[in-house]
C-alpha atoms as a PDB file:
ATOM      1  CA  MET A   1     -28.968 -87.331  48.655  1.00  0.00           C
ATOM      2  CA  ARG A   2     -32.311 -86.233  50.026  1.00  0.00           C
ATOM      3  CA  ILE A   3     -35.151 -85.529  47.596  1.00  0.00           C
ATOM      4  CA  THR A   4     -38.092 -83.467  48.835  1.00  0.00           C
ATOM      5  CA  GLU A   5     -41.143 -81.955  47.278  1.00  0.00           C
ATOM      6  CA  MET A   6     -41.140 -78.257  46.489  1.00  0.00           C
ATOM      7  CA  SER A   7     -44.093 -76.076  47.412  1.00  0.00           C
ATOM      8  CA  GLN A   8     -46.288 -74.630  44.667  1.00  0.00           C
ATOM      9  CA  GLN A   9     -44.874 -71.188  45.441  1.00  0.00           C
ATOM     10  CA  GLU A  10     -41.277 -72.481  45.074  1.00  0.00           C
ATOM     11  CA  SER A  11     -42.151 -74.243  41.816  1.00  0.00           C
ATOM     12  CA  HIS A  12     -43.753 -71.096  40.379  1.00  0.00           C
ATOM     13  CA  ALA A  13     -40.739 -69.050  41.459  1.00  0.00           C
ATOM     14  CA  LEU A  14     -38.327 -71.416  39.681  1.00  0.00           C
ATOM     15  CA  LEU A  15     -40.309 -71.220  36.429  1.00  0.00           C
ATOM     16  CA  ALA A  16     -40.389 -67.420  36.601  1.00  0.00           C
ATOM     17  CA  ARG A  17     -36.655 -67.261  37.377  1.00  0.00           C
ATOM     18  CA  VAL A  18     -35.062 -69.668  34.903  1.00  0.00           C
ATOM     19  CA  GLY A  19     -37.039 -69.022  31.692  1.00  0.00           C
ATOM     20  CA  TYR A  20     -35.723 -72.063  29.840  1.00  0.00           C
ATOM     21  CA  GLY A  21     -36.306 -75.776  29.872  1.00  0.00           C
ATOM     22  CA  ARG A  22     -37.510 -78.603  27.679  1.00  0.00           C
ATOM     23  CA  ILE A  23     -40.916 -79.125  26.109  1.00  0.00           C
ATOM     24  CA  ALA A  24     -42.172 -82.608  25.348  1.00  0.00           C
ATOM     25  CA  CYS A  25     -44.937 -83.440  22.949  1.00  0.00           C
ATOM     26  CA  ALA A  26     -46.133 -86.671  21.356  1.00  0.00           C
ATOM     27  CA  ARG A  27     -47.616 -87.827  18.098  1.00  0.00           C
ATOM     28  CA  GLU A  28     -48.721 -91.347  17.200  1.00  0.00           C
ATOM     29  CA  ASN A  29     -47.262 -92.689  20.454  1.00  0.00           C
ATOM     30  CA  GLN A  30     -43.834 -91.176  19.697  1.00  0.00           C
ATOM     31  CA  PRO A  31     -42.513 -88.661  22.251  1.00  0.00           C
ATOM     32  CA  TYR A  32     -40.367 -85.698  21.196  1.00  0.00           C
ATOM     33  CA  ILE A  33     -38.530 -83.266  23.475  1.00  0.00           C
ATOM     34  CA  VAL A  34     -36.603 -80.080  22.682  1.00  0.00           C
ATOM     35  CA  PRO A  35     -35.163 -77.109  24.591  1.00  0.00           C
ATOM     36  CA  ILE A  36     -37.203 -73.910  24.722  1.00  0.00           C
ATOM     37  CA  ASP A  37     -37.032 -70.429  26.159  1.00  0.00           C
ATOM     38  CA  PHE A  38     -40.200 -69.280  27.882  1.00  0.00           C
ATOM     39  CA  VAL A  39     -41.742 -66.675  30.122  1.00  0.00           C
ATOM     40  CA  TYR A  40     -43.863 -67.879  33.024  1.00  0.00           C
ATOM     41  CA  GLU A  41     -46.808 -65.859  34.276  1.00  0.00           C
ATOM     42  CA  GLU A  42     -49.881 -66.837  36.293  1.00  0.00           C
ATOM     43  CA  ASP A  43     -50.236 -70.464  35.244  1.00  0.00           C
ATOM     44  CA  ARG A  44     -49.133 -69.845  31.670  1.00  0.00           C
ATOM     45  CA  LEU A  45     -45.889 -70.322  29.821  1.00  0.00           C
ATOM     46  CA  TYR A  46     -45.348 -68.196  26.729  1.00  0.00           C
ATOM     47  CA  GLY A  47     -42.920 -69.280  24.037  1.00  0.00           C
ATOM     48  CA  PHE A  48     -41.688 -68.378  20.591  1.00  0.00           C
ATOM     49  CA  SER A  49     -40.687 -70.786  17.838  1.00  0.00           C
ATOM     50  CA  THR A  50     -40.525 -71.251  14.103  1.00  0.00           C
ATOM     51  CA  LEU A  51     -42.425 -73.907  12.185  1.00  0.00           C
ATOM     52  CA  GLY A  52     -40.992 -77.384  12.532  1.00  0.00           C
ATOM     53  CA  ARG A  53     -41.656 -80.772  14.086  1.00  0.00           C
ATOM     54  CA  LYS A  54     -42.417 -79.393  17.573  1.00  0.00           C
ATOM     55  CA  ILE A  55     -45.131 -77.012  16.316  1.00  0.00           C
ATOM     56  CA  GLU A  56     -46.597 -79.582  13.905  1.00  0.00           C
ATOM     57  CA  TRP A  57     -46.815 -82.174  16.664  1.00  0.00           C
ATOM     58  CA  MET A  58     -48.302 -79.764  19.223  1.00  0.00           C
ATOM     59  CA  ARG A  59     -50.919 -78.715  16.671  1.00  0.00           C
ATOM     60  CA  ALA A  60     -51.865 -82.381  16.258  1.00  0.00           C
ATOM     61  CA  ASN A  61     -51.805 -83.149  19.994  1.00  0.00           C
ATOM     62  CA  PRO A  62     -51.911 -80.097  22.261  1.00  0.00           C
ATOM     63  CA  LEU A  63     -51.109 -81.999  25.481  1.00  0.00           C
ATOM     64  CA  VAL A  64     -47.537 -81.129  26.445  1.00  0.00           C
ATOM     65  CA  CYS A  65     -45.071 -81.390  29.317  1.00  0.00           C
ATOM     66  CA  VAL A  66     -42.447 -78.768  30.190  1.00  0.00           C
ATOM     67  CA  GLN A  67     -39.491 -79.479  32.455  1.00  0.00           C
ATOM     68  CA  ALA A  68     -37.257 -76.772  33.929  1.00  0.00           C
ATOM     69  CA  ASP A  69     -34.455 -77.077  36.431  1.00  0.00           C
ATOM     70  CA  GLU A  70     -31.607 -75.436  38.285  1.00  0.00           C
ATOM     71  CA  ILE A  71     -28.621 -77.701  38.812  1.00  0.00           C
ATOM     72  CA  ARG A  72     -25.877 -76.568  41.160  1.00  0.00           C
ATOM     73  CA  GLY A  73     -24.380 -80.015  41.610  1.00  0.00           C
ATOM     74  CA  ARG A  74     -25.027 -83.732  41.452  1.00  0.00           C
ATOM     75  CA  TYR A  75     -26.786 -83.662  44.819  1.00  0.00           C
ATOM     76  CA  ASP A  76     -28.010 -80.080  44.745  1.00  0.00           C
ATOM     77  CA  TRP A  77     -30.759 -79.347  42.226  1.00  0.00           C
ATOM     78  CA  GLN A  78     -34.379 -78.293  41.744  1.00  0.00           C
ATOM     79  CA  SER A  79     -36.651 -79.577  39.002  1.00  0.00           C
ATOM     80  CA  VAL A  80     -40.213 -78.593  38.032  1.00  0.00           C
ATOM     81  CA  ILE A  81     -42.592 -80.439  35.713  1.00  0.00           C
ATOM     82  CA  VAL A  82     -45.536 -78.686  34.097  1.00  0.00           C
ATOM     83  CA  LEU A  83     -48.388 -80.587  32.466  1.00  0.00           C
ATOM     84  CA  GLY A  84     -50.461 -78.405  30.196  1.00  0.00           C
ATOM     85  CA  ARG A  85     -52.164 -77.646  26.911  1.00  0.00           C
ATOM     86  CA  TYR A  86     -50.590 -75.918  23.916  1.00  0.00           C
ATOM     87  CA  GLU A  87     -52.413 -72.992  22.308  1.00  0.00           C
ATOM     88  CA  GLU A  88     -51.034 -71.127  19.320  1.00  0.00           C
ATOM     89  CA  LEU A  89     -51.534 -67.393  19.570  1.00  0.00           C
ATOM     90  CA  SER A  90     -52.422 -65.519  16.400  1.00  0.00           C
ATOM     91  CA  ASP A  91     -53.438 -62.066  15.329  1.00  0.00           C
ATOM     92  CA  LYS A  92     -57.080 -63.147  15.130  1.00  0.00           C
ATOM     93  CA  GLU A  93     -59.352 -61.026  17.256  1.00  0.00           C
ATOM     94  CA  ARG A  94     -59.857 -63.724  19.891  1.00  0.00           C
ATOM     95  CA  SER A  95     -56.191 -64.017  20.841  1.00  0.00           C
ATOM     96  CA  TRP A  96     -54.801 -60.632  19.724  1.00  0.00           C
ATOM     97  CA  GLN A  97     -54.635 -59.220  23.255  1.00  0.00           C
ATOM     98  CA  THR A  98     -52.946 -62.370  24.584  1.00  0.00           C
ATOM     99  CA  LEU A  99     -50.519 -62.399  21.649  1.00  0.00           C
ATOM    100  CA  THR A 100     -49.438 -58.819  22.196  1.00  0.00           C
ATOM    101  CA  HIS A 101     -49.082 -59.409  25.936  1.00  0.00           C
ATOM    102  CA  ALA A 102     -47.010 -62.556  25.329  1.00  0.00           C
ATOM    103  CA  MET A 103     -44.753 -60.797  22.818  1.00  0.00           C
ATOM    104  CA  LYS A 104     -44.178 -57.940  25.250  1.00  0.00           C
ATOM    105  CA  LEU A 105     -43.087 -60.380  27.973  1.00  0.00           C
ATOM    106  CA  ILE A 106     -40.991 -62.548  25.649  1.00  0.00           C
ATOM    107  CA  SER A 107     -39.209 -59.578  24.060  1.00  0.00           C
ATOM    108  CA  GLU A 108     -38.071 -58.359  27.485  1.00  0.00           C
ATOM    109  CA  ARG A 109     -35.648 -61.303  27.629  1.00  0.00           C
ATOM    110  CA  ALA A 110     -32.280 -60.907  25.974  1.00  0.00           C
ATOM    111  CA  LEU A 111     -31.839 -62.823  22.716  1.00  0.00           C
ATOM    112  CA  TRP A 112     -35.373 -64.264  23.043  1.00  0.00           C
ATOM    113  CA  TRP A 113     -35.506 -65.110  19.331  1.00  0.00           C
ATOM    114  CA  ARG A 114     -32.104 -66.795  18.963  1.00  0.00           C
ATOM    115  CA  SER A 115     -32.924 -70.472  19.612  1.00  0.00           C
ATOM    116  CA  ALA A 116     -36.009 -70.417  17.338  1.00  0.00           C
ATOM    117  CA  TYR A 117     -34.131 -68.877  14.434  1.00  0.00           C
ATOM    118  CA  ALA A 118     -31.056 -71.069  14.973  1.00  0.00           C
ATOM    119  CA  ALA A 119     -33.261 -74.158  14.710  1.00  0.00           C
ATOM    120  CA  HIS A 120     -34.841 -72.732  11.547  1.00  0.00           C
ATOM    121  CA  GLU A 121     -31.412 -72.264   9.965  1.00  0.00           C
ATOM    122  CA  LEU A 122     -30.311 -75.742  11.086  1.00  0.00           C
ATOM    123  CA  ARG A 123     -33.260 -77.222   9.195  1.00  0.00           C
ATOM    124  CA  GLY A 124     -31.926 -75.484   6.055  1.00  0.00           C
ATOM    125  CA  HIS A 125     -35.007 -73.371   5.348  1.00  0.00           C
ATOM    126  CA  ALA A 126     -34.352 -70.451   3.033  1.00  0.00           C
ATOM    127  CA  ALA A 127     -37.871 -69.022   3.192  1.00  0.00           C
ATOM    128  CA  ASP A 128     -39.495 -66.817   5.815  1.00  0.00           C
ATOM    129  CA  PRO A 129     -39.015 -68.406   9.253  1.00  0.00           C
ATOM    130  CA  SER A 130     -42.792 -68.218  10.023  1.00  0.00           C
ATOM    131  CA  PRO A 131     -42.679 -67.202  13.692  1.00  0.00           C
ATOM    132  CA  VAL A 132     -45.114 -68.886  16.053  1.00  0.00           C
ATOM    133  CA  VAL A 133     -45.988 -67.506  19.478  1.00  0.00           C
ATOM    134  CA  PHE A 134     -47.624 -69.985  21.799  1.00  0.00           C
ATOM    135  CA  CYS A 135     -48.997 -70.421  25.277  1.00  0.00           C
ATOM    136  CA  VAL A 136     -48.951 -73.493  27.471  1.00  0.00           C
ATOM    137  CA  HIS A 137     -51.948 -73.381  29.803  1.00  0.00           C
ATOM    138  CA  VAL A 138     -50.755 -75.012  33.020  1.00  0.00           C
ATOM    139  CA  ALA A 139     -52.923 -77.851  34.329  1.00  0.00           C
ATOM    140  CA  GLU A 140     -50.512 -79.195  36.959  1.00  0.00           C
ATOM    141  CA  ILE A 141     -47.133 -78.262  38.412  1.00  0.00           C
ATOM    142  CA  THR A 142     -44.927 -80.467  40.545  1.00  0.00           C
ATOM    143  CA  GLY A 143     -41.433 -79.750  41.799  1.00  0.00           C
ATOM    144  CA  HIS A 144     -38.702 -81.622  43.612  1.00  0.00           C
ATOM    145  CA  ARG A 145     -35.352 -80.661  45.049  1.00  0.00           C
ATOM    146  CA  ALA A 146     -32.282 -82.633  45.978  1.00  0.00           C
ATOM    147  CA  THR A 147     -30.006 -81.664  48.817  1.00  0.00           C
ATOM    148  CA  PRO A 148     -26.741 -83.345  49.749  1.00  0.00           C
ATOM    149  CA  ASP A 149     -26.823 -85.928  52.459  1.00  0.00           C
ATOM    150  CA  PRO A 150     -23.796 -85.859  54.810  1.00  0.00           C
ATOM    151  CA  ALA A 151     -22.750 -89.254  53.395  1.00  0.00           C
ATOM    152  CA  ASP A 152     -22.741 -87.787  49.853  1.00  0.00           C
ATOM    153  CA  LEU A 153     -20.327 -85.078  50.932  1.00  0.00           C
ATOM    154  CA  ALA A 154     -17.998 -87.588  52.589  1.00  0.00           C
ATOM    155  CA  THR A 155     -17.675 -89.849  49.496  1.00  0.00           C
ATOM    156  CA  PRO A 156     -14.995 -88.780  46.979  1.00  0.00           C
ATOM    157  CA  PRO A 157     -16.542 -87.872  43.564  1.00  0.00           C
ATOM    158  CA  ALA A 158     -14.734 -90.699  41.704  1.00  0.00           C
ATOM    159  CA  GLN A 159     -16.548 -93.290  43.850  1.00  0.00           C
ATOM    160  CA  GLN A 160     -20.012 -91.777  43.494  1.00  0.00           C
END
């Protein structure tokens, strides 16, 4: 397998195309990673969640990492890592415009709310799910892709 670096343009295109990945946060030297749906736009990721460990930890330490990928096969994939800063969007005057813009973009995706509410139900909460809309301000993006090497294609899968 050959691994090569993706251009910034290719990395941005993957983020805009896939709209899902994993977000990692940390608290007291303990990392935590969960799947998320997001919308990517101009060096920002917008997401929607309900209150839980992820939101609590990102409030305590806003430095986060998002990973998104497209996997077509063992030797044929693309992966992008985003380092950034979490910001919770609220209806306060300062972030109202950003919040409404984020909600417009998020709501254009089918079933955009499902994973957040499913996690809320899994945690056994009977009360209001307390929706949280957030933004990850992108500080750095890196991307890599793997392509099959001729030797990879010649080796039977059971021996790989």
